[in-house]
Amino acid sequence: MHQYLESTEYIDWKTPEVQTKAKSLAADADCLKRVAEKCFVFVRDQIKHSWDYECDPVTCKASDVLKHGTGYCYAKSHLLAALLRANGIPAGLCYQRLTISDDGNGPPFCLHGLNALYLEEHGWYRIDARGNKPGVTADFCPPIERLAFPIVTAGEADLPEIWAEPITPVLGVLLTKKTYREVADNLPDIQLNAANKTLQRPSR
């Protein structure tokens, strides 16, 4: 579990601002499950999804997501992982491959970022703090998953890995694009039949 508790370049929970927020969220919680829920709700509801709110700048590091109060799903997952790790809760990053079009009828596709956290009573549990809006509802109710997006069409998939660090296709977009519109025009994707060859799988 050590890798899912580390403070890293992008999940930088040892920065003072992230530590302060993590402690404040845990202040009146009576168990780790409640701490996890409060962290989830904060990121889901208080950090604005960059596309939904048309927000710049493009953020990637957890501390920057917290500072600017905005991020794409990937960046929001970095902050949530950081807040959870700061409270001693193992947390990683997960990805789905989803169709971009609103009708859900095929290509083009893109990756969607979410989280998995480890709770003693439930094991690994996936949560999606992307941000709710009409037609998109995610919640925290372990052991039942209530993610933002179901897998509904050919070509979509839940990638099974739990990553300790953001993957290269995601970083390649967040670190090079300057506006939320540029990110939207260059959303990361990966071919499913090549996923195991191109993404380095962490040890569990």
N, C-alpha and C. Protein backbone atom coordinates (compact mmCIF):
# COMPACT_ATOMS: atom_id res chain seq x y z
N MET A 1 0.82 -1.22 0.00
CA MET A 1 0.00 0.00 0.00
C MET A 1 0.85 1.27 0.00
N HIS A 2 2.15 1.14 0.20
CA HIS A 2 2.98 2.33 0.39
C HIS A 2 2.86 3.30 -0.77
N GLN A 3 2.84 2.80 -2.00
CA GLN A 3 2.79 3.70 -3.16
C GLN A 3 1.50 4.50 -3.22
N TYR A 4 0.45 3.98 -2.60
CA TYR A 4 -0.84 4.68 -2.61
C TYR A 4 -0.98 5.66 -1.46
N LEU A 5 0.10 5.86 -0.72
CA LEU A 5 0.13 6.84 0.37
C LEU A 5 1.20 7.90 0.16
N GLU A 6 2.00 7.76 -0.88
CA GLU A 6 3.13 8.66 -1.10
C GLU A 6 2.68 10.06 -1.55
N SER A 7 3.49 11.04 -1.17
CA SER A 7 3.35 12.39 -1.72
C SER A 7 4.32 12.48 -2.90
N THR A 8 3.80 12.86 -4.06
CA THR A 8 4.58 12.84 -5.29
C THR A 8 4.48 14.19 -6.00
N GLU A 9 5.07 14.29 -7.16
CA GLU A 9 5.08 15.56 -7.89
C GLU A 9 3.68 16.07 -8.17
N TYR A 10 2.77 15.18 -8.55
CA TYR A 10 1.43 15.61 -8.93
C TYR A 10 0.40 15.35 -7.84
N ILE A 11 0.64 14.39 -7.00
CA ILE A 11 -0.23 14.15 -5.84
C ILE A 11 0.57 14.62 -4.62
N ASP A 12 0.72 15.92 -4.55
CA ASP A 12 1.67 16.54 -3.61
C ASP A 12 0.99 16.91 -2.29
N TRP A 13 0.62 15.89 -1.53
CA TRP A 13 -0.17 16.15 -0.33
C TRP A 13 0.63 16.74 0.82
N LYS A 14 1.94 16.72 0.73
CA LYS A 14 2.74 17.30 1.80
C LYS A 14 2.90 18.82 1.68
N THR A 15 2.35 19.42 0.66
CA THR A 15 2.34 20.88 0.60
C THR A 15 1.43 21.41 1.70
N PRO A 16 1.80 22.52 2.33
CA PRO A 16 1.05 23.02 3.48
C PRO A 16 -0.44 23.24 3.20
N GLU A 17 -0.77 23.75 2.02
CA GLU A 17 -2.16 24.05 1.72
C GLU A 17 -3.01 22.78 1.65
N VAL A 18 -2.46 21.74 1.04
CA VAL A 18 -3.20 20.48 0.94
C VAL A 18 -3.33 19.84 2.32
N GLN A 19 -2.27 19.87 3.10
CA GLN A 19 -2.33 19.30 4.44
C GLN A 19 -3.36 20.03 5.30
N THR A 20 -3.39 21.35 5.20
CA THR A 20 -4.35 22.13 5.99
C THR A 20 -5.78 21.78 5.61
N LYS A 21 -6.06 21.71 4.30
CA LYS A 21 -7.41 21.36 3.86
C LYS A 21 -7.78 19.94 4.27
N ALA A 22 -6.84 19.01 4.15
CA ALA A 22 -7.10 17.62 4.54
C ALA A 22 -7.45 17.53 6.02
N LYS A 23 -6.71 18.24 6.85
CA LYS A 23 -6.99 18.21 8.29
C LYS A 23 -8.33 18.84 8.61
N SER A 24 -8.67 19.92 7.93
CA SER A 24 -9.95 20.58 8.20
C SER A 24 -11.13 19.70 7.80
N LEU A 25 -10.98 18.96 6.71
CA LEU A 25 -12.05 18.06 6.28
C LEU A 25 -12.24 16.90 7.25
N ALA A 26 -11.15 16.49 7.90
CA ALA A 26 -11.22 15.35 8.83
C ALA A 26 -11.56 15.76 10.25
N ALA A 27 -11.64 17.06 10.51
CA ALA A 27 -11.70 17.55 11.88
C ALA A 27 -12.84 16.96 12.71
N ASP A 28 -14.03 16.86 12.15
CA ASP A 28 -15.17 16.39 12.94
C ASP A 28 -15.67 15.02 12.48
N ALA A 29 -14.83 14.29 11.74
CA ALA A 29 -15.20 12.95 11.27
C ALA A 29 -14.82 11.91 12.32
N ASP A 30 -15.69 10.93 12.52
CA ASP A 30 -15.46 9.95 13.58
C ASP A 30 -14.85 8.64 13.09
N CYS A 31 -14.59 8.53 11.78
CA CYS A 31 -13.97 7.32 11.23
C CYS A 31 -13.40 7.64 9.86
N LEU A 32 -12.53 6.77 9.36
CA LEU A 32 -11.90 7.03 8.07
C LEU A 32 -12.91 7.02 6.92
N LYS A 33 -13.94 6.23 7.03
CA LYS A 33 -14.97 6.22 5.99
C LYS A 33 -15.63 7.59 5.88
N ARG A 34 -15.89 8.20 7.01
CA ARG A 34 -16.49 9.54 7.02
C ARG A 34 -15.50 10.57 6.50
N VAL A 35 -14.22 10.43 6.84
CA VAL A 35 -13.19 11.32 6.30
C VAL A 35 -13.16 11.23 4.78
N ALA A 36 -13.17 10.02 4.27
CA ALA A 36 -13.14 9.81 2.83
C ALA A 36 -14.34 10.44 2.15
N GLU A 37 -15.51 10.29 2.74
CA GLU A 37 -16.72 10.88 2.17
C GLU A 37 -16.62 12.41 2.12
N LYS A 38 -16.11 13.01 3.19
CA LYS A 38 -16.00 14.46 3.21
C LYS A 38 -14.99 14.97 2.18
N CYS A 39 -13.90 14.27 2.02
CA CYS A 39 -12.93 14.63 0.98
C CYS A 39 -13.56 14.54 -0.40
N PHE A 40 -14.29 13.46 -0.64
CA PHE A 40 -14.96 13.25 -1.92
C PHE A 40 -15.96 14.36 -2.21
N VAL A 41 -16.81 14.66 -1.26
CA VAL A 41 -17.85 15.68 -1.47
C VAL A 41 -17.23 17.05 -1.71
N PHE A 42 -16.16 17.35 -0.98
CA PHE A 42 -15.48 18.64 -1.20
C PHE A 42 -14.98 18.76 -2.63
N VAL A 43 -14.27 17.76 -3.12
CA VAL A 43 -13.71 17.85 -4.47
C VAL A 43 -14.83 17.82 -5.52
N ARG A 44 -15.81 16.98 -5.30
CA ARG A 44 -16.92 16.89 -6.26
C ARG A 44 -17.68 18.21 -6.37
N ASP A 45 -17.99 18.82 -5.22
CA ASP A 45 -18.91 19.95 -5.20
C ASP A 45 -18.25 21.33 -5.15
N GLN A 46 -17.03 21.41 -4.63
CA GLN A 46 -16.42 22.72 -4.44
C GLN A 46 -15.32 23.04 -5.45
N ILE A 47 -14.77 22.04 -6.10
CA ILE A 47 -13.77 22.27 -7.15
C ILE A 47 -14.50 22.24 -8.49
N LYS A 48 -14.44 23.33 -9.23
CA LYS A 48 -15.21 23.45 -10.46
C LYS A 48 -14.58 22.64 -11.60
N HIS A 49 -15.42 21.88 -12.28
CA HIS A 49 -14.94 21.17 -13.47
C HIS A 49 -14.66 22.18 -14.57
N SER A 50 -13.45 22.15 -15.12
CA SER A 50 -13.00 23.20 -16.03
C SER A 50 -13.92 23.41 -17.23
N TRP A 51 -14.42 22.31 -17.79
CA TRP A 51 -15.29 22.45 -18.96
C TRP A 51 -16.67 22.95 -18.57
N ASP A 52 -17.23 22.41 -17.50
CA ASP A 52 -18.57 22.81 -17.08
C ASP A 52 -18.64 24.30 -16.79
N TYR A 53 -17.59 24.83 -16.16
CA TYR A 53 -17.59 26.23 -15.73
C TYR A 53 -16.73 27.14 -16.61
N GLU A 54 -16.15 26.57 -17.67
CA GLU A 54 -15.31 27.33 -18.61
C GLU A 54 -14.20 28.06 -17.85
N CYS A 55 -13.44 27.28 -17.08
CA CYS A 55 -12.43 27.84 -16.19
C CYS A 55 -11.00 27.58 -16.66
N ASP A 56 -10.18 28.59 -16.59
CA ASP A 56 -8.74 28.48 -16.67
C ASP A 56 -8.18 28.87 -15.31
N PRO A 57 -6.94 28.52 -15.00
CA PRO A 57 -5.96 27.84 -15.84
C PRO A 57 -6.15 26.33 -15.86
N VAL A 58 -5.41 25.67 -16.76
CA VAL A 58 -5.36 24.21 -16.77
C VAL A 58 -4.51 23.77 -15.58
N THR A 59 -5.05 22.93 -14.72
CA THR A 59 -4.33 22.49 -13.53
C THR A 59 -3.98 21.01 -13.64
N CYS A 60 -2.96 20.60 -12.88
CA CYS A 60 -2.54 19.20 -12.86
C CYS A 60 -2.16 18.77 -11.45
N LYS A 61 -1.22 19.49 -10.82
CA LYS A 61 -0.82 19.16 -9.46
C LYS A 61 -1.99 19.36 -8.51
N ALA A 62 -2.08 18.49 -7.52
CA ALA A 62 -3.15 18.60 -6.53
C ALA A 62 -3.17 19.97 -5.88
N SER A 63 -2.00 20.48 -5.52
CA SER A 63 -1.94 21.78 -4.86
C SER A 63 -2.44 22.91 -5.76
N ASP A 64 -2.21 22.81 -7.06
CA ASP A 64 -2.70 23.83 -7.99
C ASP A 64 -4.21 23.73 -8.18
N VAL A 65 -4.72 22.51 -8.19
CA VAL A 65 -6.18 22.33 -8.28
C VAL A 65 -6.85 22.99 -7.08
N LEU A 66 -6.29 22.78 -5.91
CA LEU A 66 -6.85 23.39 -4.70
C LEU A 66 -6.70 24.91 -4.74
N LYS A 67 -5.56 25.40 -5.16
CA LYS A 67 -5.29 26.83 -5.20
C LYS A 67 -6.26 27.56 -6.12
N HIS A 68 -6.46 27.01 -7.32
CA HIS A 68 -7.28 27.69 -8.32
C HIS A 68 -8.75 27.27 -8.27
N GLY A 69 -9.05 26.19 -7.56
CA GLY A 69 -10.44 25.76 -7.41
C GLY A 69 -11.07 25.20 -8.66
N THR A 70 -10.23 24.71 -9.58
CA THR A 70 -10.76 24.18 -10.83
C THR A 70 -9.84 23.10 -11.38
N GLY A 71 -10.42 22.25 -12.21
CA GLY A 71 -9.64 21.21 -12.87
C GLY A 71 -10.53 20.31 -13.69
N TYR A 72 -9.94 19.69 -14.69
CA TYR A 72 -10.65 18.61 -15.40
C TYR A 72 -10.75 17.40 -14.48
N CYS A 73 -11.47 16.40 -14.89
CA CYS A 73 -11.67 15.20 -14.06
C CYS A 73 -10.34 14.62 -13.59
N TYR A 74 -9.34 14.62 -14.48
CA TYR A 74 -8.04 14.06 -14.13
C TYR A 74 -7.41 14.83 -12.97
N ALA A 75 -7.41 16.15 -13.09
CA ALA A 75 -6.82 16.99 -12.06
C ALA A 75 -7.59 16.89 -10.75
N LYS A 76 -8.91 16.83 -10.84
CA LYS A 76 -9.71 16.67 -9.63
C LYS A 76 -9.39 15.35 -8.93
N SER A 77 -9.12 14.32 -9.71
CA SER A 77 -8.75 13.04 -9.10
C SER A 77 -7.39 13.12 -8.42
N HIS A 78 -6.50 13.96 -8.93
CA HIS A 78 -5.19 14.15 -8.28
C HIS A 78 -5.38 14.80 -6.91
N LEU A 79 -6.25 15.80 -6.84
CA LEU A 79 -6.50 16.46 -5.55
C LEU A 79 -7.18 15.52 -4.58
N LEU A 80 -8.16 14.76 -5.05
CA LEU A 80 -8.84 13.85 -4.14
C LEU A 80 -7.88 12.79 -3.60
N ALA A 81 -7.03 12.26 -4.46
CA ALA A 81 -6.04 11.30 -3.99
C ALA A 81 -5.13 11.93 -2.94
N ALA A 82 -4.75 13.19 -3.16
CA ALA A 82 -3.87 13.87 -2.21
C ALA A 82 -4.55 14.07 -0.86
N LEU A 83 -5.79 14.50 -0.86
CA LEU A 83 -6.51 14.71 0.40
C LEU A 83 -6.70 13.40 1.16
N LEU A 84 -7.00 12.34 0.44
CA LEU A 84 -7.16 11.04 1.07
C LEU A 84 -5.83 10.55 1.65
N ARG A 85 -4.77 10.63 0.87
CA ARG A 85 -3.45 10.18 1.35
C ARG A 85 -2.99 10.99 2.55
N ALA A 86 -3.27 12.28 2.54
CA ALA A 86 -2.88 13.13 3.67
C ALA A 86 -3.57 12.69 4.96
N ASN A 87 -4.71 12.04 4.82
CA ASN A 87 -5.44 11.53 5.98
C ASN A 87 -5.17 10.05 6.22
N GLY A 88 -4.14 9.51 5.59
CA GLY A 88 -3.75 8.13 5.83
C GLY A 88 -4.61 7.09 5.15
N ILE A 89 -5.37 7.50 4.12
CA ILE A 89 -6.24 6.58 3.39
C ILE A 89 -5.58 6.27 2.05
N PRO A 90 -5.24 5.01 1.78
CA PRO A 90 -4.63 4.66 0.49
C PRO A 90 -5.56 5.04 -0.67
N ALA A 91 -5.01 5.71 -1.66
CA ALA A 91 -5.83 6.16 -2.79
C ALA A 91 -5.00 6.13 -4.06
N GLY A 92 -5.66 5.76 -5.15
CA GLY A 92 -5.02 5.72 -6.46
C GLY A 92 -5.91 6.34 -7.51
N LEU A 93 -5.45 6.26 -8.75
CA LEU A 93 -6.14 6.84 -9.89
C LEU A 93 -6.65 5.73 -10.79
N CYS A 94 -7.85 5.92 -11.30
CA CYS A 94 -8.46 4.97 -12.24
C CYS A 94 -8.90 5.73 -13.48
N TYR A 95 -9.10 4.98 -14.55
CA TYR A 95 -9.53 5.60 -15.80
C TYR A 95 -10.61 4.76 -16.47
N GLN A 96 -11.51 5.46 -17.11
CA GLN A 96 -12.45 4.85 -18.03
C GLN A 96 -12.16 5.39 -19.42
N ARG A 97 -12.53 4.61 -20.42
CA ARG A 97 -12.50 5.10 -21.80
C ARG A 97 -13.95 5.29 -22.23
N LEU A 98 -14.31 6.52 -22.56
CA LEU A 98 -15.70 6.87 -22.85
C LEU A 98 -15.80 7.57 -24.20
N THR A 99 -16.98 7.47 -24.80
CA THR A 99 -17.22 8.23 -26.01
C THR A 99 -17.37 9.71 -25.65
N ILE A 100 -16.91 10.59 -26.52
CA ILE A 100 -16.98 12.02 -26.25
C ILE A 100 -18.36 12.59 -26.57
N SER A 101 -19.02 12.04 -27.57
CA SER A 101 -20.29 12.61 -28.01
C SER A 101 -21.38 12.40 -26.97
N ASP A 102 -22.30 13.36 -26.89
CA ASP A 102 -23.37 13.30 -25.92
C ASP A 102 -24.32 12.13 -26.16
N ASP A 103 -24.44 11.68 -27.42
CA ASP A 103 -25.37 10.59 -27.71
C ASP A 103 -24.79 9.22 -27.36
N GLY A 104 -23.48 9.17 -27.06
CA GLY A 104 -22.87 7.91 -26.63
C GLY A 104 -22.82 6.84 -27.69
N ASN A 105 -22.75 7.24 -28.96
CA ASN A 105 -22.84 6.27 -30.04
C ASN A 105 -21.53 6.08 -30.80
N GLY A 106 -20.43 5.95 -30.07
CA GLY A 106 -19.19 5.60 -30.76
C GLY A 106 -18.16 6.70 -30.76
N PRO A 107 -17.12 6.53 -31.61
CA PRO A 107 -15.97 7.42 -31.59
C PRO A 107 -16.37 8.87 -31.94
N PRO A 108 -15.50 9.83 -31.55
CA PRO A 108 -14.21 9.65 -30.87
C PRO A 108 -14.36 9.31 -29.39
N PHE A 109 -13.28 8.77 -28.82
CA PHE A 109 -13.27 8.39 -27.41
C PHE A 109 -12.24 9.23 -26.65
N CYS A 110 -12.35 9.22 -25.34
CA CYS A 110 -11.35 9.87 -24.50
C CYS A 110 -11.28 9.15 -23.16
N LEU A 111 -10.20 9.38 -22.44
CA LEU A 111 -10.08 8.86 -21.09
C LEU A 111 -10.82 9.77 -20.12
N HIS A 112 -11.35 9.16 -19.08
CA HIS A 112 -12.00 9.88 -17.98
C HIS A 112 -11.32 9.47 -16.69
N GLY A 113 -10.99 10.44 -15.85
CA GLY A 113 -10.25 10.14 -14.62
C GLY A 113 -11.13 10.08 -13.40
N LEU A 114 -10.88 9.10 -12.54
CA LEU A 114 -11.58 8.95 -11.28
C LEU A 114 -10.62 8.33 -10.26
N ASN A 115 -11.12 7.91 -9.13
CA ASN A 115 -10.26 7.41 -8.05
C ASN A 115 -10.72 6.06 -7.53
N ALA A 116 -9.78 5.37 -6.86
CA ALA A 116 -10.11 4.23 -6.01
C ALA A 116 -9.43 4.47 -4.68
N LEU A 117 -10.14 4.17 -3.61
CA LEU A 117 -9.56 4.27 -2.28
C LEU A 117 -9.75 2.95 -1.56
N TYR A 118 -8.92 2.73 -0.54
CA TYR A 118 -8.98 1.46 0.18
C TYR A 118 -9.55 1.69 1.57
N LEU A 119 -10.65 0.99 1.85
CA LEU A 119 -11.27 1.00 3.17
C LEU A 119 -11.23 -0.42 3.72
N GLU A 120 -10.83 -0.55 4.97
CA GLU A 120 -10.66 -1.88 5.56
C GLU A 120 -11.92 -2.73 5.44
N GLU A 121 -13.08 -2.12 5.63
CA GLU A 121 -14.32 -2.90 5.63
C GLU A 121 -14.84 -3.22 4.24
N HIS A 122 -14.31 -2.56 3.22
CA HIS A 122 -14.83 -2.76 1.87
C HIS A 122 -13.76 -3.12 0.85
N GLY A 123 -12.50 -2.93 1.14
CA GLY A 123 -11.45 -3.12 0.14
C GLY A 123 -11.39 -1.92 -0.79
N TRP A 124 -10.91 -2.13 -2.02
CA TRP A 124 -10.83 -1.04 -2.99
C TRP A 124 -12.22 -0.64 -3.46
N TYR A 125 -12.44 0.66 -3.50
CA TYR A 125 -13.76 1.21 -3.85
C TYR A 125 -13.57 2.42 -4.74
N ARG A 126 -14.22 2.41 -5.90
CA ARG A 126 -14.06 3.51 -6.85
C ARG A 126 -15.06 4.63 -6.60
N ILE A 127 -14.58 5.86 -6.73
CA ILE A 127 -15.41 7.05 -6.58
C ILE A 127 -15.07 8.03 -7.69
N ASP A 128 -16.02 8.86 -8.05
CA ASP A 128 -15.85 9.78 -9.17
C ASP A 128 -16.26 11.19 -8.74
N ALA A 129 -15.27 12.05 -8.51
CA ALA A 129 -15.52 13.41 -8.04
C ALA A 129 -15.54 14.42 -9.18
N ARG A 130 -15.84 13.97 -10.38
CA ARG A 130 -15.87 14.83 -11.56
C ARG A 130 -16.73 16.08 -11.34
N GLY A 131 -17.85 15.91 -10.67
CA GLY A 131 -18.80 17.00 -10.47
C GLY A 131 -20.13 16.67 -11.10
N ASN A 132 -21.19 16.75 -10.30
CA ASN A 132 -22.51 16.42 -10.81
C ASN A 132 -23.12 17.57 -11.61
N LYS A 133 -24.00 17.19 -12.52
CA LYS A 133 -24.75 18.16 -13.33
C LYS A 133 -25.95 17.40 -13.87
N PRO A 134 -26.89 18.05 -14.53
CA PRO A 134 -28.04 17.32 -15.07
C PRO A 134 -27.59 16.14 -15.94
N GLY A 135 -28.04 14.96 -15.59
CA GLY A 135 -27.70 13.75 -16.33
C GLY A 135 -26.44 13.06 -15.85
N VAL A 136 -25.71 13.67 -14.92
CA VAL A 136 -24.47 13.09 -14.39
C VAL A 136 -24.53 13.15 -12.87
N THR A 137 -24.60 11.98 -12.23
CA THR A 137 -24.71 11.94 -10.77
C THR A 137 -23.79 10.86 -10.23
N ALA A 138 -22.85 11.26 -9.39
CA ALA A 138 -21.95 10.33 -8.71
C ALA A 138 -22.07 10.55 -7.21
N ASP A 139 -21.87 9.48 -6.44
CA ASP A 139 -22.04 9.60 -4.99
C ASP A 139 -21.08 8.66 -4.28
N PHE A 140 -21.04 8.79 -2.96
CA PHE A 140 -20.19 7.98 -2.09
C PHE A 140 -21.11 7.11 -1.23
N CYS A 141 -21.19 5.82 -1.54
CA CYS A 141 -22.06 4.93 -0.79
C CYS A 141 -21.50 3.50 -0.83
N PRO A 142 -20.29 3.31 -0.27
CA PRO A 142 -19.67 1.98 -0.30
C PRO A 142 -20.53 0.95 0.43
N PRO A 143 -20.55 -0.30 -0.10
CA PRO A 143 -19.69 -0.82 -1.18
C PRO A 143 -20.27 -0.64 -2.58
N ILE A 144 -21.39 0.05 -2.71
CA ILE A 144 -22.03 0.24 -4.01
C ILE A 144 -21.34 1.38 -4.76
N GLU A 145 -20.93 1.14 -6.00
CA GLU A 145 -20.33 2.19 -6.82
C GLU A 145 -21.43 3.02 -7.48
N ARG A 146 -21.29 4.33 -7.37
CA ARG A 146 -22.17 5.24 -8.09
C ARG A 146 -21.30 6.25 -8.82
N LEU A 147 -20.84 5.83 -9.99
CA LEU A 147 -19.92 6.62 -10.79
C LEU A 147 -20.70 7.56 -11.72
N ALA A 148 -19.99 8.53 -12.26
CA ALA A 148 -20.63 9.52 -13.11
C ALA A 148 -21.12 8.93 -14.43
N PHE A 149 -20.36 7.97 -14.98
CA PHE A 149 -20.66 7.48 -16.32
C PHE A 149 -20.67 5.96 -16.38
N PRO A 150 -21.74 5.35 -16.89
CA PRO A 150 -21.74 3.91 -17.13
C PRO A 150 -21.05 3.58 -18.44
N ILE A 151 -20.62 2.35 -18.58
CA ILE A 151 -20.07 1.86 -19.84
C ILE A 151 -21.24 1.33 -20.66
N VAL A 152 -21.50 1.97 -21.80
CA VAL A 152 -22.75 1.66 -22.50
C VAL A 152 -22.56 1.30 -23.98
N THR A 153 -21.40 1.54 -24.56
CA THR A 153 -21.26 1.31 -26.00
C THR A 153 -19.94 0.63 -26.31
N ALA A 154 -19.87 -0.01 -27.45
CA ALA A 154 -18.64 -0.68 -27.88
C ALA A 154 -17.51 0.33 -27.98
N GLY A 155 -16.36 -0.05 -27.47
CA GLY A 155 -15.22 0.85 -27.48
C GLY A 155 -15.00 1.54 -26.15
N GLU A 156 -16.05 1.62 -25.33
CA GLU A 156 -15.90 2.13 -23.97
C GLU A 156 -15.41 1.02 -23.06
N ALA A 157 -14.77 1.39 -21.95
CA ALA A 157 -14.25 0.36 -21.04
C ALA A 157 -13.86 0.97 -19.70
N ASP A 158 -13.95 0.15 -18.66
CA ASP A 158 -13.33 0.45 -17.38
C ASP A 158 -11.93 -0.14 -17.42
N LEU A 159 -10.90 0.69 -17.36
CA LEU A 159 -9.54 0.15 -17.27
C LEU A 159 -9.34 -0.38 -15.85
N PRO A 160 -8.86 -1.61 -15.70
CA PRO A 160 -8.87 -2.27 -14.40
C PRO A 160 -7.79 -1.82 -13.43
N GLU A 161 -6.76 -1.13 -13.93
CA GLU A 161 -5.63 -0.78 -13.06
C GLU A 161 -6.00 0.30 -12.04
N ILE A 162 -5.31 0.25 -10.92
CA ILE A 162 -5.34 1.34 -9.95
C ILE A 162 -3.93 1.93 -9.94
N TRP A 163 -3.79 3.12 -10.49
CA TRP A 163 -2.48 3.73 -10.68
C TRP A 163 -2.09 4.57 -9.47
N ALA A 164 -0.84 4.49 -9.09
CA ALA A 164 -0.34 5.34 -8.01
C ALA A 164 -0.01 6.73 -8.50
N GLU A 165 0.21 6.87 -9.83
CA GLU A 165 0.60 8.14 -10.44
C GLU A 165 -0.23 8.38 -11.70
N PRO A 166 -0.40 9.63 -12.10
CA PRO A 166 -1.10 9.91 -13.37
C PRO A 166 -0.37 9.24 -14.53
N ILE A 167 -1.13 8.80 -15.52
CA ILE A 167 -0.53 8.12 -16.67
C ILE A 167 -0.08 9.14 -17.72
N THR A 168 0.83 8.71 -18.58
CA THR A 168 1.47 9.59 -19.55
C THR A 168 0.49 10.31 -20.48
N PRO A 169 -0.52 9.63 -21.06
CA PRO A 169 -1.42 10.36 -21.96
C PRO A 169 -2.13 11.53 -21.28
N VAL A 170 -2.45 11.38 -20.01
CA VAL A 170 -3.12 12.46 -19.28
C VAL A 170 -2.15 13.61 -19.02
N LEU A 171 -0.96 13.29 -18.53
CA LEU A 171 0.03 14.33 -18.28
C LEU A 171 0.40 15.07 -19.56
N GLY A 172 0.45 14.33 -20.66
CA GLY A 172 0.82 14.95 -21.94
C GLY A 172 -0.12 16.07 -22.35
N VAL A 173 -1.39 15.95 -21.94
CA VAL A 173 -2.37 17.00 -22.25
C VAL A 173 -2.34 18.10 -21.19
N LEU A 174 -2.42 17.73 -19.93
CA LEU A 174 -2.53 18.74 -18.87
C LEU A 174 -1.29 19.63 -18.76
N LEU A 175 -0.14 19.11 -19.13
CA LEU A 175 1.10 19.88 -18.99
C LEU A 175 1.46 20.70 -20.22
N THR A 176 0.74 20.49 -21.31
CA THR A 176 1.09 21.21 -22.54
C THR A 176 0.00 22.15 -23.04
N LYS A 177 -1.23 21.94 -22.64
CA LYS A 177 -2.32 22.78 -23.12
C LYS A 177 -2.54 23.94 -22.14
N LYS A 178 -2.83 25.12 -22.67
CA LYS A 178 -2.86 26.33 -21.86
C LYS A 178 -4.25 26.77 -21.43
N THR A 179 -5.28 26.30 -22.12
CA THR A 179 -6.63 26.72 -21.79
C THR A 179 -7.55 25.51 -21.71
N TYR A 180 -8.68 25.70 -21.06
CA TYR A 180 -9.63 24.59 -20.94
C TYR A 180 -10.14 24.17 -22.30
N ARG A 181 -10.23 25.11 -23.25
CA ARG A 181 -10.69 24.76 -24.60
C ARG A 181 -9.65 23.91 -25.33
N GLU A 182 -8.38 24.21 -25.14
CA GLU A 182 -7.33 23.41 -25.77
C GLU A 182 -7.36 21.99 -25.23
N VAL A 183 -7.60 21.84 -23.93
CA VAL A 183 -7.72 20.49 -23.36
C VAL A 183 -8.90 19.77 -24.00
N ALA A 184 -10.04 20.45 -24.08
CA ALA A 184 -11.24 19.84 -24.65
C ALA A 184 -11.02 19.38 -26.09
N ASP A 185 -10.19 20.10 -26.83
CA ASP A 185 -9.90 19.74 -28.22
C ASP A 185 -8.84 18.66 -28.35
N ASN A 186 -8.21 18.28 -27.25
CA ASN A 186 -7.11 17.31 -27.29
C ASN A 186 -7.22 16.30 -26.14
N LEU A 187 -8.43 15.87 -25.81
CA LEU A 187 -8.62 14.96 -24.69
C LEU A 187 -7.83 13.67 -24.90
N PRO A 188 -7.18 13.18 -23.85
CA PRO A 188 -6.34 11.98 -24.01
C PRO A 188 -7.18 10.74 -24.27
N ASP A 189 -6.60 9.83 -25.00
CA ASP A 189 -7.25 8.55 -25.30
C ASP A 189 -6.18 7.48 -25.40
N ILE A 190 -6.60 6.24 -25.41
CA ILE A 190 -5.69 5.12 -25.60
C ILE A 190 -6.45 3.99 -26.28
N GLN A 191 -5.81 3.33 -27.20
CA GLN A 191 -6.43 2.19 -27.86
C GLN A 191 -6.46 1.01 -26.89
N LEU A 192 -7.60 0.41 -26.73
CA LEU A 192 -7.75 -0.65 -25.72
C LEU A 192 -6.84 -1.83 -26.00
N ASN A 193 -6.67 -2.20 -27.27
CA ASN A 193 -5.84 -3.37 -27.56
C ASN A 193 -4.35 -3.10 -27.37
N ALA A 194 -4.01 -1.83 -27.14
CA ALA A 194 -2.61 -1.48 -26.91
C ALA A 194 -2.35 -1.04 -25.48
N ALA A 195 -3.40 -1.01 -24.66
CA ALA A 195 -3.28 -0.43 -23.33
C ALA A 195 -2.21 -1.11 -22.50
N ASN A 196 -2.19 -2.43 -22.49
CA ASN A 196 -1.24 -3.14 -21.65
C ASN A 196 0.20 -2.99 -22.14
N LYS A 197 0.36 -2.63 -23.42
CA LYS A 197 1.71 -2.46 -23.97
C LYS A 197 2.24 -1.06 -23.76
N THR A 198 1.35 -0.07 -23.69
CA THR A 198 1.81 1.30 -23.65
C THR A 198 1.76 1.93 -22.27
N LEU A 199 1.04 1.34 -21.34
CA LEU A 199 0.96 1.88 -19.99
C LEU A 199 1.68 0.97 -19.03
N GLN A 200 2.57 1.53 -18.27
CA GLN A 200 3.31 0.74 -17.30
C GLN A 200 2.43 0.45 -16.09
N ARG A 201 2.22 -0.80 -15.79
CA ARG A 201 1.32 -1.21 -14.72
C ARG A 201 2.08 -1.21 -13.38
N PRO A 202 1.54 -0.53 -12.37
CA PRO A 202 2.23 -0.53 -11.08
C PRO A 202 2.03 -1.84 -10.36
N SER A 203 2.95 -2.18 -9.47
CA SER A 203 2.77 -3.35 -8.63
C SER A 203 1.68 -3.07 -7.63
N ARG A 204 0.93 -4.09 -7.28
CA ARG A 204 -0.18 -3.93 -6.34
C ARG A 204 0.30 -4.05 -4.91
